[in-house]
Amino acid sequence: MFRRTFWFTAGAAAGVWATTKVNRKLKQLTPESLAAQAAEKAVEAGHRLKDFALDVKAGMTQREDELNDALGLTQDAGNPALTDNVRALPGPRRLRAIQNDNSRPTYSHNRNEDH
């Protein structure tokens, strides 16, 4: 008699456990829950991407400072000609560089040319 009662109780408990487990999983798979999970993942990915971009920017700044030091381009009071934008050419040299830019090929848009 106790054996049957034990197995009946064990079966009922297993049924309740399985039912609650299935109901939890079904609630996780509702469209609202999936949308919330996707939004959380997107926000988390955005934070990781922002952290990565900040790390890259810090590394770039550090490397640029190292290169400027190595090339003697450090900005100090004795060198007022050095501006924040070290890569820019002075005005007249820049204009000559733009005018003499032969690196771009010229394309003819005439469709009657030989192919």
N, C-alpha and C. Protein backbone atom coordinates (compact mmCIF):
# COMPACT_ATOMS: atom_id res chain seq x y z
N MET A 1 0.80 -1.18 0.00
CA MET A 1 0.00 0.00 0.00
C MET A 1 0.86 1.26 0.00
N PHE A 2 1.90 1.30 0.85
CA PHE A 2 2.77 2.45 0.90
C PHE A 2 3.57 2.59 -0.39
N ARG A 3 3.86 1.45 -1.00
CA ARG A 3 4.61 1.47 -2.24
C ARG A 3 3.82 2.18 -3.32
N ARG A 4 2.55 1.87 -3.44
CA ARG A 4 1.70 2.53 -4.43
C ARG A 4 1.56 4.02 -4.13
N THR A 5 1.39 4.36 -2.88
CA THR A 5 1.25 5.76 -2.49
C THR A 5 2.54 6.52 -2.81
N PHE A 6 3.68 5.90 -2.54
CA PHE A 6 4.96 6.53 -2.83
C PHE A 6 5.09 6.82 -4.32
N TRP A 7 4.79 5.80 -5.15
CA TRP A 7 4.95 5.99 -6.59
C TRP A 7 3.91 6.95 -7.15
N PHE A 8 2.72 6.96 -6.58
CA PHE A 8 1.70 7.90 -7.01
C PHE A 8 2.17 9.33 -6.69
N THR A 9 2.70 9.54 -5.50
CA THR A 9 3.18 10.87 -5.10
C THR A 9 4.38 11.28 -5.93
N ALA A 10 5.30 10.33 -6.18
CA ALA A 10 6.47 10.64 -7.01
C ALA A 10 6.04 11.01 -8.43
N GLY A 11 5.07 10.33 -9.00
CA GLY A 11 4.57 10.64 -10.33
C GLY A 11 3.89 12.00 -10.39
N ALA A 12 3.09 12.30 -9.35
CA ALA A 12 2.41 13.59 -9.30
C ALA A 12 3.44 14.72 -9.18
N ALA A 13 4.46 14.52 -8.35
CA ALA A 13 5.50 15.54 -8.20
C ALA A 13 6.26 15.74 -9.51
N ALA A 14 6.58 14.65 -10.20
CA ALA A 14 7.27 14.75 -11.49
C ALA A 14 6.40 15.47 -12.51
N GLY A 15 5.09 15.21 -12.49
CA GLY A 15 4.17 15.90 -13.40
C GLY A 15 4.10 17.39 -13.12
N VAL A 16 4.04 17.75 -11.86
CA VAL A 16 4.01 19.17 -11.49
C VAL A 16 5.31 19.85 -11.90
N TRP A 17 6.42 19.18 -11.62
CA TRP A 17 7.73 19.74 -11.99
C TRP A 17 7.82 19.95 -13.50
N ALA A 18 7.42 18.92 -14.29
CA ALA A 18 7.49 19.01 -15.74
C ALA A 18 6.57 20.11 -16.26
N THR A 19 5.38 20.23 -15.67
CA THR A 19 4.43 21.24 -16.11
C THR A 19 4.98 22.64 -15.87
N THR A 20 5.55 22.88 -14.71
CA THR A 20 6.11 24.21 -14.42
C THR A 20 7.31 24.51 -15.32
N LYS A 21 8.10 23.49 -15.59
CA LYS A 21 9.26 23.67 -16.47
C LYS A 21 8.82 24.06 -17.88
N VAL A 22 7.81 23.37 -18.39
CA VAL A 22 7.29 23.66 -19.74
C VAL A 22 6.66 25.05 -19.77
N ASN A 23 5.91 25.41 -18.74
CA ASN A 23 5.27 26.73 -18.72
C ASN A 23 6.31 27.85 -18.69
N ARG A 24 7.39 27.66 -17.95
CA ARG A 24 8.45 28.67 -17.93
C ARG A 24 9.07 28.83 -19.30
N LYS A 25 9.31 27.71 -19.96
CA LYS A 25 9.92 27.76 -21.29
C LYS A 25 8.98 28.43 -22.29
N LEU A 26 7.69 28.14 -22.19
CA LEU A 26 6.73 28.78 -23.08
C LEU A 26 6.66 30.28 -22.86
N LYS A 27 6.78 30.72 -21.61
CA LYS A 27 6.77 32.16 -21.33
C LYS A 27 8.03 32.82 -21.90
N GLN A 28 9.15 32.10 -21.91
CA GLN A 28 10.38 32.65 -22.49
C GLN A 28 10.27 32.78 -24.00
N LEU A 29 9.42 31.98 -24.62
CA LEU A 29 9.32 31.97 -26.08
C LEU A 29 8.17 32.82 -26.61
N THR A 30 7.54 33.61 -25.78
CA THR A 30 6.50 34.51 -26.27
C THR A 30 7.17 35.64 -27.04
N PRO A 31 6.47 36.25 -28.00
CA PRO A 31 7.07 37.34 -28.78
C PRO A 31 7.56 38.50 -27.91
N GLU A 32 6.81 38.84 -26.87
CA GLU A 32 7.23 39.95 -26.00
C GLU A 32 8.54 39.62 -25.29
N SER A 33 8.64 38.40 -24.79
CA SER A 33 9.85 37.98 -24.10
C SER A 33 11.04 37.92 -25.05
N LEU A 34 10.82 37.41 -26.26
CA LEU A 34 11.90 37.35 -27.24
C LEU A 34 12.35 38.75 -27.63
N ALA A 35 11.40 39.68 -27.78
CA ALA A 35 11.76 41.06 -28.12
C ALA A 35 12.57 41.70 -26.99
N ALA A 36 12.18 41.45 -25.75
CA ALA A 36 12.92 42.00 -24.62
C ALA A 36 14.33 41.42 -24.55
N GLN A 37 14.45 40.12 -24.80
CA GLN A 37 15.78 39.50 -24.79
C GLN A 37 16.65 40.06 -25.91
N ALA A 38 16.06 40.25 -27.09
CA ALA A 38 16.82 40.81 -28.21
C ALA A 38 17.26 42.24 -27.91
N ALA A 39 16.37 43.02 -27.29
CA ALA A 39 16.73 44.39 -26.95
C ALA A 39 17.86 44.41 -25.92
N GLU A 40 17.81 43.54 -24.94
CA GLU A 40 18.88 43.47 -23.95
C GLU A 40 20.21 43.10 -24.60
N LYS A 41 20.17 42.14 -25.51
CA LYS A 41 21.40 41.73 -26.20
C LYS A 41 21.94 42.87 -27.06
N ALA A 42 21.05 43.61 -27.72
CA ALA A 42 21.49 44.73 -28.56
C ALA A 42 22.14 45.83 -27.72
N VAL A 43 21.54 46.13 -26.58
CA VAL A 43 22.11 47.15 -25.70
C VAL A 43 23.47 46.69 -25.19
N GLU A 44 23.57 45.42 -24.82
CA GLU A 44 24.84 44.88 -24.34
C GLU A 44 25.90 44.94 -25.43
N ALA A 45 25.52 44.58 -26.67
CA ALA A 45 26.46 44.65 -27.78
C ALA A 45 26.88 46.09 -28.05
N GLY A 46 25.95 47.02 -27.92
CA GLY A 46 26.28 48.43 -28.11
C GLY A 46 27.28 48.92 -27.08
N HIS A 47 27.12 48.50 -25.83
CA HIS A 47 28.06 48.89 -24.79
C HIS A 47 29.45 48.30 -25.07
N ARG A 48 29.48 47.05 -25.50
CA ARG A 48 30.78 46.43 -25.81
C ARG A 48 31.45 47.13 -26.99
N LEU A 49 30.65 47.51 -28.01
CA LEU A 49 31.19 48.20 -29.17
C LEU A 49 31.71 49.58 -28.78
N LYS A 50 31.00 50.28 -27.91
CA LYS A 50 31.45 51.59 -27.44
C LYS A 50 32.76 51.45 -26.68
N ASP A 51 32.85 50.45 -25.80
CA ASP A 51 34.09 50.23 -25.06
C ASP A 51 35.25 49.92 -26.00
N PHE A 52 34.98 49.12 -27.03
CA PHE A 52 36.02 48.80 -28.01
C PHE A 52 36.47 50.05 -28.74
N ALA A 53 35.52 50.88 -29.17
CA ALA A 53 35.88 52.11 -29.89
C ALA A 53 36.70 53.04 -29.01
N LEU A 54 36.35 53.14 -27.73
CA LEU A 54 37.12 53.99 -26.83
C LEU A 54 38.53 53.44 -26.63
N ASP A 55 38.66 52.12 -26.54
CA ASP A 55 39.98 51.51 -26.42
C ASP A 55 40.83 51.77 -27.67
N VAL A 56 40.20 51.65 -28.85
CA VAL A 56 40.92 51.90 -30.09
C VAL A 56 41.37 53.35 -30.16
N LYS A 57 40.47 54.26 -29.78
CA LYS A 57 40.81 55.68 -29.82
C LYS A 57 41.96 56.00 -28.86
N ALA A 58 41.94 55.41 -27.67
CA ALA A 58 43.02 55.63 -26.71
C ALA A 58 44.33 55.07 -27.25
N GLY A 59 44.27 53.90 -27.88
CA GLY A 59 45.47 53.32 -28.47
C GLY A 59 46.02 54.15 -29.61
N MET A 60 45.11 54.70 -30.43
CA MET A 60 45.54 55.54 -31.54
C MET A 60 46.22 56.81 -31.01
N THR A 61 45.64 57.41 -29.99
CA THR A 61 46.23 58.62 -29.42
C THR A 61 47.60 58.33 -28.83
N GLN A 62 47.70 57.22 -28.13
CA GLN A 62 48.99 56.85 -27.54
C GLN A 62 50.03 56.61 -28.63
N ARG A 63 49.65 55.88 -29.67
CA ARG A 63 50.60 55.58 -30.75
C ARG A 63 50.98 56.86 -31.50
N GLU A 64 50.02 57.75 -31.71
CA GLU A 64 50.32 59.00 -32.39
C GLU A 64 51.30 59.84 -31.57
N ASP A 65 51.11 59.85 -30.26
CA ASP A 65 52.06 60.57 -29.40
C ASP A 65 53.45 59.95 -29.47
N GLU A 66 53.51 58.62 -29.50
CA GLU A 66 54.81 57.95 -29.61
C GLU A 66 55.50 58.31 -30.92
N LEU A 67 54.73 58.30 -32.02
CA LEU A 67 55.30 58.63 -33.32
C LEU A 67 55.73 60.09 -33.39
N ASN A 68 54.91 60.98 -32.84
CA ASN A 68 55.29 62.39 -32.81
C ASN A 68 56.57 62.61 -32.01
N ASP A 69 56.69 61.91 -30.88
CA ASP A 69 57.91 62.01 -30.09
C ASP A 69 59.11 61.47 -30.87
N ALA A 70 58.91 60.36 -31.56
CA ALA A 70 60.01 59.75 -32.32
C ALA A 70 60.44 60.64 -33.48
N LEU A 71 59.50 61.37 -34.08
CA LEU A 71 59.82 62.24 -35.21
C LEU A 71 60.19 63.65 -34.77
N GLY A 72 60.13 63.91 -33.48
CA GLY A 72 60.47 65.24 -32.99
C GLY A 72 59.37 66.25 -33.25
N LEU A 73 58.16 65.81 -33.31
CA LEU A 73 57.03 66.70 -33.59
C LEU A 73 56.24 67.02 -32.34
N THR A 74 56.87 66.94 -31.21
CA THR A 74 56.15 67.21 -29.97
C THR A 74 55.78 68.68 -29.92
N GLN A 75 54.58 68.94 -29.47
CA GLN A 75 54.08 70.31 -29.41
C GLN A 75 54.50 70.93 -28.09
N ASP A 76 55.23 72.02 -28.17
CA ASP A 76 55.64 72.72 -26.97
C ASP A 76 55.66 74.22 -27.26
N ALA A 77 56.02 75.00 -26.27
CA ALA A 77 56.02 76.45 -26.44
C ALA A 77 57.10 76.90 -27.42
N GLY A 78 58.16 76.13 -27.59
CA GLY A 78 59.23 76.49 -28.51
C GLY A 78 58.91 76.19 -29.95
N ASN A 79 57.83 75.48 -30.22
CA ASN A 79 57.46 75.11 -31.59
C ASN A 79 56.01 75.51 -31.84
N PRO A 80 55.73 76.81 -31.99
CA PRO A 80 54.34 77.22 -32.17
C PRO A 80 53.79 76.90 -33.55
N ALA A 81 54.65 76.54 -34.50
CA ALA A 81 54.17 76.27 -35.86
C ALA A 81 53.41 74.95 -35.93
N LEU A 82 53.63 74.07 -34.98
CA LEU A 82 52.97 72.77 -34.98
C LEU A 82 51.54 72.92 -34.49
N THR A 83 50.61 72.56 -35.32
CA THR A 83 49.20 72.67 -34.94
C THR A 83 48.69 71.32 -34.50
N ASP A 84 47.44 71.27 -34.09
CA ASP A 84 46.84 70.01 -33.67
C ASP A 84 46.74 69.03 -34.82
N ASN A 85 46.53 69.54 -36.03
CA ASN A 85 46.40 68.67 -37.19
C ASN A 85 47.75 68.59 -37.89
N VAL A 86 48.58 67.65 -37.50
CA VAL A 86 49.93 67.53 -38.02
C VAL A 86 49.91 67.06 -39.47
N ARG A 87 48.87 66.33 -39.87
CA ARG A 87 48.83 65.74 -41.20
C ARG A 87 48.47 66.73 -42.31
N ALA A 88 47.94 67.88 -41.97
CA ALA A 88 47.51 68.83 -43.00
C ALA A 88 48.72 69.54 -43.60
N LEU A 89 48.71 69.70 -44.92
CA LEU A 89 49.77 70.44 -45.60
C LEU A 89 49.47 71.92 -45.48
N PRO A 90 50.51 72.74 -45.47
CA PRO A 90 50.27 74.18 -45.49
C PRO A 90 49.54 74.58 -46.76
N GLY A 91 48.89 75.74 -46.73
CA GLY A 91 48.02 76.19 -47.82
C GLY A 91 48.59 76.06 -49.22
N PRO A 92 49.71 76.74 -49.58
CA PRO A 92 50.21 76.68 -50.96
C PRO A 92 50.63 75.27 -51.38
N ARG A 93 51.26 74.52 -50.49
CA ARG A 93 51.67 73.16 -50.85
C ARG A 93 50.45 72.28 -51.07
N ARG A 94 49.41 72.51 -50.29
CA ARG A 94 48.19 71.71 -50.44
C ARG A 94 47.55 71.97 -51.79
N LEU A 95 47.48 73.24 -52.18
CA LEU A 95 46.87 73.57 -53.47
C LEU A 95 47.67 72.97 -54.62
N ARG A 96 49.02 73.03 -54.55
CA ARG A 96 49.83 72.41 -55.59
C ARG A 96 49.61 70.90 -55.64
N ALA A 97 49.47 70.29 -54.48
CA ALA A 97 49.25 68.84 -54.44
C ALA A 97 47.91 68.47 -55.07
N ILE A 98 46.90 69.30 -54.83
CA ILE A 98 45.59 69.01 -55.41
C ILE A 98 45.62 69.23 -56.92
N GLN A 99 46.28 70.31 -57.36
CA GLN A 99 46.33 70.60 -58.79
C GLN A 99 47.13 69.57 -59.56
N ASN A 100 48.17 69.02 -58.97
CA ASN A 100 49.04 68.06 -59.64
C ASN A 100 48.66 66.62 -59.33
N ASP A 101 47.44 66.40 -58.94
CA ASP A 101 47.02 65.04 -58.58
C ASP A 101 46.75 64.24 -59.86
N ASN A 102 47.78 63.50 -60.29
CA ASN A 102 47.65 62.67 -61.48
C ASN A 102 47.43 61.21 -61.12
N SER A 103 47.19 60.94 -59.86
CA SER A 103 47.05 59.56 -59.43
C SER A 103 45.71 58.97 -59.82
N ARG A 104 44.72 59.84 -60.04
CA ARG A 104 43.40 59.32 -60.43
C ARG A 104 43.33 59.16 -61.93
N PRO A 105 42.94 57.98 -62.40
CA PRO A 105 42.82 57.80 -63.85
C PRO A 105 41.60 58.56 -64.38
N THR A 106 41.71 59.01 -65.61
CA THR A 106 40.58 59.69 -66.23
C THR A 106 39.82 58.67 -67.07
N TYR A 107 38.53 58.68 -66.93
CA TYR A 107 37.70 57.75 -67.67
C TYR A 107 36.86 58.52 -68.67
N SER A 108 36.78 57.98 -69.85
CA SER A 108 35.92 58.56 -70.86
C SER A 108 34.59 57.82 -70.80
N HIS A 109 33.53 58.56 -70.80
CA HIS A 109 32.21 57.94 -70.72
C HIS A 109 31.59 57.80 -72.11
N ASN A 110 32.42 57.77 -73.15
CA ASN A 110 31.94 57.60 -74.50
C ASN A 110 31.72 56.12 -74.74
N ARG A 111 30.50 55.72 -74.98
CA ARG A 111 30.19 54.30 -75.19
C ARG A 111 30.56 53.81 -76.56
N ASN A 112 30.93 54.71 -77.46
CA ASN A 112 31.28 54.31 -78.82
C ASN A 112 32.75 53.97 -78.98
N GLU A 113 33.52 54.08 -77.90
CA GLU A 113 34.94 53.74 -77.99
C GLU A 113 35.10 52.22 -78.09
N ASP A 114 36.28 51.83 -78.53
CA ASP A 114 36.57 50.39 -78.60
C ASP A 114 36.58 49.80 -77.20
N HIS A 115 36.16 48.59 -77.12
CA HIS A 115 36.11 47.93 -75.81
C HIS A 115 37.24 46.97 -75.64
